[in-house]
Protein backbone atom coordinates (compact mmCIF):
# COMPACT_ATOMS: atom_id res chain seq x y z
CA MET A 1 41.61 -3.26 -124.52
CA GLU A 2 39.73 -6.74 -123.35
CA PHE A 3 37.05 -6.47 -120.40
CA LYS A 4 36.51 -9.38 -118.44
CA GLN A 5 32.88 -8.04 -117.28
CA SER A 6 29.98 -8.71 -119.10
CA LEU A 7 28.81 -6.28 -121.94
CA ALA A 8 25.63 -5.89 -119.11
CA GLN A 9 28.23 -4.96 -116.62
CA ARG A 10 29.80 -2.31 -118.62
CA ILE A 11 26.60 -0.79 -119.76
CA ILE A 12 26.01 -0.57 -116.02
CA ILE A 13 29.63 1.22 -115.21
CA ALA A 14 29.31 3.48 -117.95
CA PHE A 15 25.85 4.16 -116.92
CA ALA A 16 26.92 5.21 -113.45
CA LEU A 17 30.44 6.90 -114.21
CA MET A 18 28.59 8.88 -116.51
CA SER A 19 25.95 10.06 -113.89
CA ALA A 20 28.71 10.19 -111.22
CA LEU A 21 30.61 12.96 -113.47
CA VAL A 22 27.58 14.56 -114.08
CA ALA A 23 26.54 14.62 -110.99
CA GLY A 24 29.75 15.72 -109.33
CA ALA A 25 30.02 18.71 -111.72
CA PHE A 26 26.90 19.99 -110.48
CA ALA A 27 27.42 19.23 -107.17
CA MET A 28 30.77 21.28 -107.24
CA GLY A 29 29.38 23.71 -109.40
CA ILE A 30 26.42 24.11 -106.55
CA VAL A 31 28.70 24.08 -103.79
CA ALA A 32 30.94 26.85 -105.65
CA THR A 33 28.09 29.08 -107.00
CA VAL A 34 26.77 29.18 -103.36
CA HIS A 35 30.04 29.64 -101.84
CA LEU A 36 30.70 32.44 -103.96
CA VAL A 37 27.36 34.16 -103.48
CA GLU A 38 27.26 33.96 -100.14
CA GLU A 39 30.69 35.61 -99.57
CA LYS A 40 29.64 38.63 -101.99
CA LEU A 41 26.63 39.13 -99.62
CA ILE A 42 28.22 39.00 -96.83
CA SER A 43 31.56 40.87 -98.06
CA ALA A 44 28.64 43.53 -99.28
CA GLY A 45 26.72 43.46 -95.98
CA LEU A 46 29.86 43.70 -93.57
CA GLY A 47 31.28 46.61 -95.81
CA GLY A 48 28.05 48.53 -95.15
CA ASP A 49 28.29 47.78 -91.65
CA LEU A 50 31.58 49.00 -91.22
CA GLN A 51 30.83 52.50 -93.52
CA ARG A 52 27.91 53.20 -90.82
CA LEU A 53 30.33 52.53 -87.88
CA LEU A 54 32.65 54.95 -89.61
CA LEU A 55 30.02 57.61 -90.32
CA MET A 56 29.76 57.58 -86.45
CA ASP A 57 33.25 57.77 -85.79
CA SER A 58 34.37 59.86 -82.69
CA VAL A 59 38.15 59.35 -81.74
CA THR A 60 37.12 61.15 -78.39
CA ASP A 61 33.57 59.26 -77.33
CA TRP A 62 32.94 56.28 -79.01
CA SER A 63 29.44 55.27 -78.07
CA HIS A 64 27.88 53.00 -80.91
CA ARG A 65 28.62 49.57 -80.81
CA PRO A 66 28.64 46.84 -83.90
CA GLU A 67 26.03 44.26 -83.82
CA PRO A 68 26.14 41.45 -81.39
CA ASP A 69 28.25 38.74 -83.46
CA GLN A 70 30.51 41.70 -84.63
CA LEU A 71 33.81 43.02 -83.13
CA PHE A 72 35.12 46.37 -84.32
CA TYR A 73 38.49 47.94 -83.95
CA PHE A 74 40.84 51.18 -85.42
CA SER A 75 43.94 52.17 -84.58
CA GLY A 76 44.27 54.62 -81.54
CA GLY A 77 40.67 53.68 -80.32
CA PRO A 78 39.75 53.70 -76.98
CA GLY A 79 39.70 50.42 -74.43
CA ASP A 80 38.27 47.54 -76.31
CA PHE A 81 38.44 49.45 -79.87
CA GLU A 82 41.85 49.15 -79.80
CA LEU A 83 43.70 47.51 -83.36
CA PRO A 84 45.08 44.07 -81.77
CA LYS A 85 48.58 43.54 -83.36
CA ASP A 86 47.28 40.47 -85.28
CA LEU A 87 45.11 42.43 -87.09
CA ARG A 88 47.50 45.22 -88.04
CA HIS A 89 48.88 43.59 -91.14
CA LEU A 90 45.53 43.32 -92.81
CA GLU A 91 45.18 45.15 -96.29
CA PRO A 92 41.94 46.97 -96.77
CA GLY A 93 39.17 44.85 -98.15
CA PHE A 94 37.39 41.41 -97.52
CA HIS A 95 39.23 38.80 -95.53
CA GLU A 96 38.75 35.74 -93.64
CA VAL A 97 40.52 35.49 -90.25
CA PHE A 98 41.02 33.01 -87.69
CA ARG A 99 41.71 33.55 -83.79
CA GLU A 100 42.02 30.60 -81.57
CA GLN A 101 39.36 28.35 -82.24
CA LEU A 102 37.19 30.66 -84.11
CA SER A 103 36.91 31.81 -87.50
CA TYR A 104 35.54 35.35 -88.51
CA HIS A 105 34.81 37.37 -91.68
CA SER A 106 36.82 40.77 -91.59
CA MET A 107 36.66 43.86 -93.44
CA VAL A 108 39.31 46.46 -93.29
CA GLU A 109 39.57 50.19 -94.36
CA ILE A 110 42.05 52.47 -94.26
CA VAL A 111 40.64 56.12 -93.69
CA ASP A 112 43.08 59.20 -92.95
CA GLY A 113 45.81 56.87 -92.01
CA ARG A 114 43.78 55.22 -89.30
CA ARG A 115 42.77 51.41 -89.98
CA TYR A 116 39.31 50.50 -89.45
CA VAL A 117 38.78 46.42 -88.93
CA LEU A 118 35.02 44.96 -88.42
CA LEU A 119 35.03 41.36 -87.76
CA GLN A 120 31.92 39.06 -87.95
CA ASP A 121 31.75 35.61 -86.32
CA GLN A 122 31.57 33.10 -89.12
CA SER A 123 29.85 30.34 -87.15
CA ASP A 124 26.21 30.36 -88.54
CA PHE A 125 27.85 30.53 -92.22
CA GLU A 126 30.11 27.18 -91.51
CA GLU A 127 27.22 25.52 -90.46
CA ARG A 128 25.05 26.42 -93.32
CA GLU A 129 28.09 25.16 -95.41
CA ARG A 130 27.93 22.10 -93.38
CA VAL A 131 24.32 21.60 -94.22
CA LEU A 132 24.57 22.33 -97.84
CA PHE A 133 27.57 19.94 -98.31
CA ALA A 134 25.50 17.14 -96.31
CA VAL A 135 22.93 18.02 -98.77
CA VAL A 136 24.80 17.94 -102.01
CA LEU A 137 26.52 14.69 -100.67
CA VAL A 138 23.42 13.00 -100.18
CA GLY A 139 22.13 14.26 -103.39
CA PHE A 140 25.26 12.73 -105.46
CA VAL A 141 24.94 9.43 -103.50
CA LEU A 142 21.30 8.98 -104.43
CA SER A 143 21.92 10.11 -108.08
CA LEU A 144 24.96 7.62 -108.48
CA ALA A 145 22.10 4.78 -106.64
CA LEU A 146 19.34 5.88 -109.35
CA ALA A 147 21.93 5.31 -112.17
CA VAL A 148 23.36 2.14 -111.35
CA PHE A 149 19.37 1.00 -111.36
CA LEU A 150 18.59 2.70 -114.53
CA GLY A 151 21.65 1.14 -115.64
CA TRP A 152 20.75 -2.01 -114.52
CA ILE A 153 17.35 -1.95 -116.14
CA LEU A 154 18.47 -0.27 -119.19
CA ALA A 155 21.31 -3.06 -119.27
CA ARG A 156 18.41 -5.92 -119.03
CA LYS A 157 16.12 -4.16 -121.49
CA VAL A 158 19.55 -3.72 -124.08
CA MET A 159 20.81 -7.08 -123.95
CA ALA A 160 17.38 -9.19 -123.83
CA PRO A 161 17.32 -9.50 -127.51
CA VAL A 162 20.90 -10.59 -127.77
CA VAL A 163 20.49 -13.11 -124.74
CA ARG A 164 17.79 -14.78 -126.90
CA LEU A 165 19.53 -14.72 -130.06
CA ALA A 166 22.36 -16.12 -128.15
CA ARG A 167 20.56 -19.25 -127.01
CA GLN A 168 19.14 -19.69 -130.40
CA VAL A 169 22.21 -20.09 -131.95
CA ARG A 170 23.61 -22.05 -129.47
CA HIS A 171 20.59 -24.63 -129.48
CA ARG A 172 21.85 -27.65 -131.54
CA ASP A 173 18.38 -27.87 -133.81
CA GLN A 174 19.79 -24.70 -135.64
CA LEU A 175 22.06 -27.12 -137.46
CA LEU A 176 19.13 -28.97 -138.87
CA GLY A 177 18.18 -28.65 -142.13
CA LEU A 178 14.47 -27.40 -141.31
CA ALA A 179 15.91 -24.79 -138.61
CA PRO A 180 13.73 -21.78 -139.40
CA PRO A 181 15.68 -18.00 -139.61
CA LEU A 182 16.53 -16.11 -136.68
CA ALA A 183 16.49 -13.03 -138.48
CA PRO A 184 12.16 -12.46 -138.75
CA ASP A 185 12.25 -12.67 -134.80
CA TYR A 186 14.12 -9.42 -134.54
CA ALA A 187 14.07 -5.47 -135.54
CA ALA A 188 15.83 -4.07 -138.22
CA ASP A 189 18.60 -2.71 -135.80
CA GLU A 190 22.04 -4.01 -135.15
CA VAL A 191 21.01 -7.18 -133.36
CA GLY A 192 18.66 -7.82 -136.62
CA GLU A 193 22.18 -7.50 -138.64
CA LEU A 194 23.83 -9.68 -136.09
CA ALA A 195 20.86 -12.37 -136.65
CA VAL A 196 21.39 -12.00 -140.36
CA ALA A 197 24.87 -12.45 -140.13
CA PHE A 198 24.25 -15.81 -138.17
CA ASP A 199 21.66 -16.93 -140.51
CA ALA A 200 24.21 -16.94 -143.55
CA THR A 201 26.94 -18.63 -141.34
CA LEU A 202 24.83 -21.27 -139.96
CA GLY A 203 23.06 -21.44 -143.51
CA ARG A 204 27.03 -22.37 -144.84
CA LEU A 205 27.61 -24.41 -141.94
CA ARG A 206 24.36 -26.54 -142.72
CA GLN A 207 24.75 -27.01 -146.26
CA ALA A 208 28.66 -27.93 -145.24
CA LEU A 209 27.65 -30.52 -143.05
CA THR A 210 24.97 -31.64 -145.19
CA ARG A 211 27.54 -32.01 -148.18
CA GLU A 212 29.86 -33.69 -145.59
CA ARG A 213 26.84 -36.62 -144.30
CA LEU A 214 26.30 -37.10 -148.40
CA PHE A 215 30.21 -37.70 -148.98
CA THR A 216 30.66 -39.89 -145.87
CA SER A 217 27.40 -41.94 -146.70
CA ASP A 218 28.09 -42.50 -150.42
CA VAL A 219 31.83 -43.16 -150.30
CA SER A 220 30.96 -46.07 -147.50
CA HIS A 221 28.38 -47.23 -149.42
CA GLU A 222 30.24 -47.74 -152.54
CA LEU A 223 33.16 -48.84 -150.71
CA ARG A 224 31.36 -52.01 -149.01
CA THR A 225 31.21 -54.30 -152.43
CA PRO A 226 34.71 -53.63 -153.31
CA LEU A 227 35.84 -54.85 -149.63
CA MET A 228 33.06 -57.72 -149.94
CA VAL A 229 35.06 -58.91 -153.01
CA LEU A 230 38.62 -58.79 -151.09
CA ALA A 231 36.73 -60.59 -148.00
CA SER A 232 35.63 -63.65 -150.31
CA SER A 233 38.69 -63.96 -152.46
CA CYS A 234 40.66 -64.36 -149.34
CA GLU A 235 38.24 -66.67 -148.00
CA LEU A 236 38.83 -68.31 -151.55
CA LEU A 237 43.02 -68.41 -151.21
CA LEU A 238 42.83 -69.33 -147.79
CA GLU A 239 40.90 -72.65 -149.06
CA ASN A 240 43.53 -73.10 -151.83
CA PRO A 241 45.84 -76.10 -150.44
CA GLY A 242 48.56 -75.35 -152.63
CA ILE A 243 49.40 -72.07 -151.00
CA ASP A 244 52.55 -72.05 -148.47
CA GLN A 245 53.09 -70.64 -145.27
CA ARG A 246 54.63 -67.26 -146.21
CA GLY A 247 51.61 -66.88 -148.68
CA ARG A 248 48.71 -67.61 -146.16
CA ALA A 249 50.35 -65.15 -143.56
CA GLN A 250 50.00 -62.42 -145.76
CA VAL A 251 46.43 -63.54 -147.31
CA GLU A 252 45.56 -63.50 -143.86
CA ARG A 253 46.87 -59.92 -142.88
CA ILE A 254 45.21 -59.17 -145.92
CA ALA A 255 42.04 -60.67 -144.61
CA ARG A 256 42.14 -58.79 -141.51
CA ALA A 257 42.57 -55.47 -143.22
CA CYS A 258 39.78 -55.91 -145.05
CA GLU A 259 37.79 -56.44 -141.78
CA GLU A 260 38.89 -53.52 -140.30
CA MET A 261 38.29 -51.53 -143.36
CA ARG A 262 34.57 -52.96 -143.23
CA GLU A 263 33.93 -51.96 -139.99
CA LEU A 264 35.32 -48.35 -140.31
CA VAL A 265 33.20 -48.11 -143.40
CA GLN A 266 30.45 -49.22 -141.38
CA THR A 267 30.96 -47.04 -138.58
CA PHE A 268 31.39 -43.90 -140.95
CA LEU A 269 28.27 -44.62 -142.61
CA MET A 270 26.20 -45.14 -139.08
CA LEU A 271 27.86 -41.59 -138.61
CA ALA A 272 26.30 -40.31 -141.42
CA ARG A 273 22.81 -41.55 -140.97
CA ALA A 274 22.54 -40.91 -137.34
CA GLN A 275 20.91 -37.39 -137.54
CA ARG A 276 18.46 -38.77 -139.84
CA GLU A 277 17.80 -42.25 -138.72
CA ASP A 278 16.02 -43.68 -135.49
CA ALA A 279 18.44 -44.94 -133.06
CA SER A 280 15.97 -47.78 -132.35
CA MET A 281 16.59 -48.86 -135.97
CA SER A 282 20.46 -49.69 -135.17
CA PRO A 283 21.07 -53.22 -133.71
CA GLN A 284 21.53 -52.44 -129.62
CA GLN A 285 23.55 -54.53 -127.28
CA THR A 286 24.97 -54.18 -123.92
CA VAL A 287 28.57 -52.97 -123.15
CA SER A 288 29.61 -56.72 -121.94
CA GLN A 289 27.95 -58.45 -125.31
CA ILE A 290 30.26 -55.70 -127.30
CA ALA A 291 33.68 -56.92 -124.71
CA ASP A 292 32.77 -60.37 -125.22
CA GLY A 293 32.63 -60.36 -129.07
CA LEU A 294 35.73 -57.94 -129.05
CA LEU A 295 37.81 -60.40 -126.91
CA GLY A 296 37.62 -63.06 -128.86
CA LEU A 297 38.34 -61.42 -132.02
CA TRP A 298 41.63 -59.48 -130.22
CA ARG A 299 42.63 -62.15 -127.88
CA GLU A 300 44.84 -64.53 -130.47
CA PRO A 301 46.50 -61.28 -131.95
CA ILE A 302 47.28 -59.85 -128.42
CA GLU A 303 48.62 -62.87 -126.98
CA SER A 304 50.68 -63.92 -130.22
CA LYS A 305 52.63 -60.35 -129.78
CA GLY A 306 53.35 -62.01 -125.96
CA LEU A 307 51.19 -59.52 -124.30
CA ALA A 308 48.94 -60.58 -121.57
CA LEU A 309 45.10 -60.19 -122.08
CA SER A 310 43.12 -59.37 -118.84
CA PHE A 311 39.30 -58.43 -118.55
CA GLU A 312 37.80 -57.69 -115.45
CA PRO A 313 34.31 -58.01 -116.38
CA GLY A 314 32.95 -55.85 -113.24
CA ASN A 315 29.37 -54.86 -112.50
CA PRO A 316 28.32 -53.33 -115.84
CA SER A 317 24.35 -51.87 -116.61
CA SER A 318 21.98 -53.92 -118.40
CA ASN A 319 21.65 -50.61 -120.94
CA ARG A 320 22.01 -51.63 -124.32
CA TYR A 321 23.80 -49.31 -127.01
CA ASN A 322 24.32 -48.64 -130.33
CA ALA A 323 26.35 -51.84 -131.54
CA THR A 324 28.22 -50.45 -134.31
CA LEU A 325 29.39 -47.48 -132.53
CA LEU A 326 29.89 -49.03 -129.50
CA HIS A 327 32.00 -51.94 -130.97
CA ALA A 328 34.06 -49.14 -133.12
CA VAL A 329 35.11 -47.49 -130.03
CA MET A 330 35.94 -50.09 -127.70
CA GLY A 331 37.74 -51.99 -130.75
CA ASN A 332 39.88 -49.03 -131.85
CA LEU A 333 40.61 -48.40 -128.23
CA LEU A 334 41.93 -52.01 -128.09
CA ARG A 335 43.80 -51.78 -131.21
CA ASN A 336 45.28 -48.75 -130.39
CA ALA A 337 46.67 -50.35 -127.12
CA LEU A 338 47.91 -53.19 -129.33
CA HIS A 339 49.79 -51.38 -131.98
CA TYR A 340 51.77 -49.22 -128.73
CA THR A 341 52.82 -52.03 -126.54
CA GLU A 342 55.28 -54.13 -127.08
CA THR A 343 55.89 -55.67 -123.65
CA GLY A 344 53.48 -56.27 -120.49
CA PHE A 345 49.39 -56.48 -120.51
CA ILE A 346 46.27 -55.15 -121.98
CA ARG A 347 43.34 -54.60 -119.79
CA LEU A 348 39.85 -54.37 -120.44
CA SER A 349 37.71 -53.49 -117.50
CA LEU A 350 33.71 -52.74 -117.43
CA THR A 351 32.54 -50.23 -115.18
CA ASN A 352 29.29 -49.23 -113.99
CA ASN A 353 28.56 -46.77 -116.96
CA GLY A 354 31.15 -47.62 -119.53
CA PHE A 355 34.80 -49.28 -119.63
CA VAL A 356 38.40 -48.88 -119.36
CA VAL A 357 41.27 -49.70 -121.48
CA GLU A 358 44.63 -49.81 -119.86
CA ASP A 359 48.34 -50.49 -121.34
CA SER A 360 51.37 -50.94 -120.25
CA GLY A 361 52.60 -49.44 -123.81
CA VAL A 362 54.99 -46.48 -124.95
CA GLY A 363 52.41 -43.78 -123.29
CA ILE A 364 51.65 -40.07 -124.53
CA PRO A 365 53.28 -37.03 -123.55
CA GLU A 366 51.14 -34.76 -121.50
CA GLU A 367 51.40 -31.93 -124.29
CA LYS A 368 50.24 -34.43 -126.77
CA ARG A 369 47.46 -35.82 -124.87
CA GLU A 370 44.60 -33.22 -126.62
CA ALA A 371 46.21 -33.79 -129.91
CA MET A 372 46.05 -37.44 -130.24
CA PHE A 373 42.08 -36.94 -130.42
CA GLU A 374 42.80 -35.02 -133.87
CA PRO A 375 42.74 -36.79 -137.30
CA PHE A 376 45.75 -38.18 -138.81
CA VAL A 377 47.83 -37.57 -135.30
CA ARG A 378 49.71 -40.52 -134.53
CA GLY A 379 52.20 -40.87 -131.59
CA SER A 380 55.71 -40.63 -131.71
CA GLU A 381 56.54 -44.50 -131.80
CA LYS A 382 54.69 -44.51 -134.90
CA ARG A 383 54.01 -48.43 -135.21
CA GLY A 384 51.45 -50.60 -137.15
CA GLU A 385 49.73 -49.74 -140.08
CA GLY A 386 47.13 -47.12 -139.10
CA LEU A 387 46.68 -43.69 -140.47
CA GLY A 388 46.04 -41.78 -136.71
CA LEU A 389 42.17 -42.29 -137.57
CA GLY A 390 41.36 -44.38 -134.64
CA LEU A 391 41.48 -42.22 -131.75
CA SER A 392 39.48 -39.17 -133.83
CA LEU A 393 37.15 -41.57 -134.50
CA VAL A 394 36.84 -42.71 -130.94
CA GLN A 395 36.40 -38.95 -130.26
CA ARG A 396 33.60 -38.28 -133.11
CA ILE A 397 31.49 -41.21 -132.10
CA CYS A 398 31.47 -39.93 -128.47
CA GLU A 399 30.38 -36.73 -129.40
CA ASN A 400 27.76 -37.97 -131.40
CA GLN A 401 26.30 -39.96 -129.25
CA GLY A 402 27.08 -37.97 -125.97
CA TRP A 403 29.63 -40.26 -124.31
CA THR A 404 32.58 -39.02 -123.00
CA VAL A 405 36.13 -40.25 -123.84
CA SER A 406 39.04 -39.21 -121.51
CA LEU A 407 43.04 -39.78 -121.45
CA THR A 408 45.55 -40.49 -118.75
CA THR A 409 49.11 -41.80 -118.26
CA MET A 410 49.23 -44.91 -116.19
CA GLU A 411 52.67 -45.80 -114.33
CA PRO A 412 55.33 -46.32 -114.69
CA ASN A 413 54.23 -45.87 -118.78
CA GLY A 414 51.44 -46.66 -120.31
CA CYS A 415 48.08 -45.32 -121.28
CA ARG A 416 44.69 -45.85 -119.61
CA PHE A 417 41.15 -44.59 -121.50
CA GLU A 418 38.09 -44.01 -119.98
CA VAL A 419 34.85 -44.09 -121.45
CA GLU A 420 31.61 -43.10 -119.86
CA LEU A 421 28.36 -44.18 -121.73
CA GLY A 422 25.70 -42.08 -119.61
CA LYS A 423 21.94 -43.09 -120.74
CA PRO A 424 20.93 -44.81 -124.06
CA ARG A 425 19.49 -42.58 -126.44
CA VAL A 426 15.85 -43.38 -127.32
């Protein structure tokens, strides 16, 4: 069973329910005990009064009267002592009788065939019962309120180390290699065991992240040399006048792929170093500068495909950002638009706090939008030679830099990617 309440609320509720159960049981026990004791005492007293009256019984001359709050009747009695019809069915013993608006306790005795009935008004008894019920009810409510208050205090005391542990685990510095262990700050109880488990899990996570960064850094660094060889070889081939037009097109294609790979390697290398290097050590540029460079790079491939490339410079801020990462984000979105757009347009718009890339391509179904930011996921129309890493890389860079990227659908078709950059990191 899943509970929607927080653990602290569940502690308070459990404390209140337990107190309500105990207080309710005590209240019912007190009421039942008092009622039983009073009934026994009244029964004994009323029986004694009836016995005294029977000792003074004189059928011919009845001169003794019961107490002011009592009524006495018997079979064949003179005058007011005559047994009423509504009392003639009572069996010997103690009874509770209701006559009109009043209630009475009654004691019945049968002596020599004659039925004697003594009634006593129980108004005082009922008043005492009402007072008792009121006191018990007030006590129950007060005990319940006290239980809730004590449960709240107890929940705060119990949950305080859990809340503190959660804040420490949630803090991003816990993923740093020099983060101190959590367990020494807690007692050797269940919370301490939880802290030990978090230390072990966070330790394995730090090791995995370190291995990933080292692997990415090493691979990216080692790939740069063969890529430079490929790029320089392509340049030499293009300078050869003997190469035909078809061969030149293939070499240019290889050169473009090498350039894209070089940019991708540089981006991965920058991400691997992002946790260890000062952001000021990386080249910094404004959004407008990055956009101008990419428009010059992508205008020819886009227009050669028969698409219209439009640019809306807007009024962007003069903030400067990591040039390599911002170039990778904007470039991958433009490349993605080129791959999935056959007719129409591609538009790059700069905003006050970022930029927008729009296209009139095939679009992305709503059920696949979230998955498109996962690695190796491509659209249903698998055009181009990509591996499905572009949008994943965009998402990873944005998360690393504190940027946000969102995807919406254009009407009647196409995609709209909006990137908000926020404040640059210092």
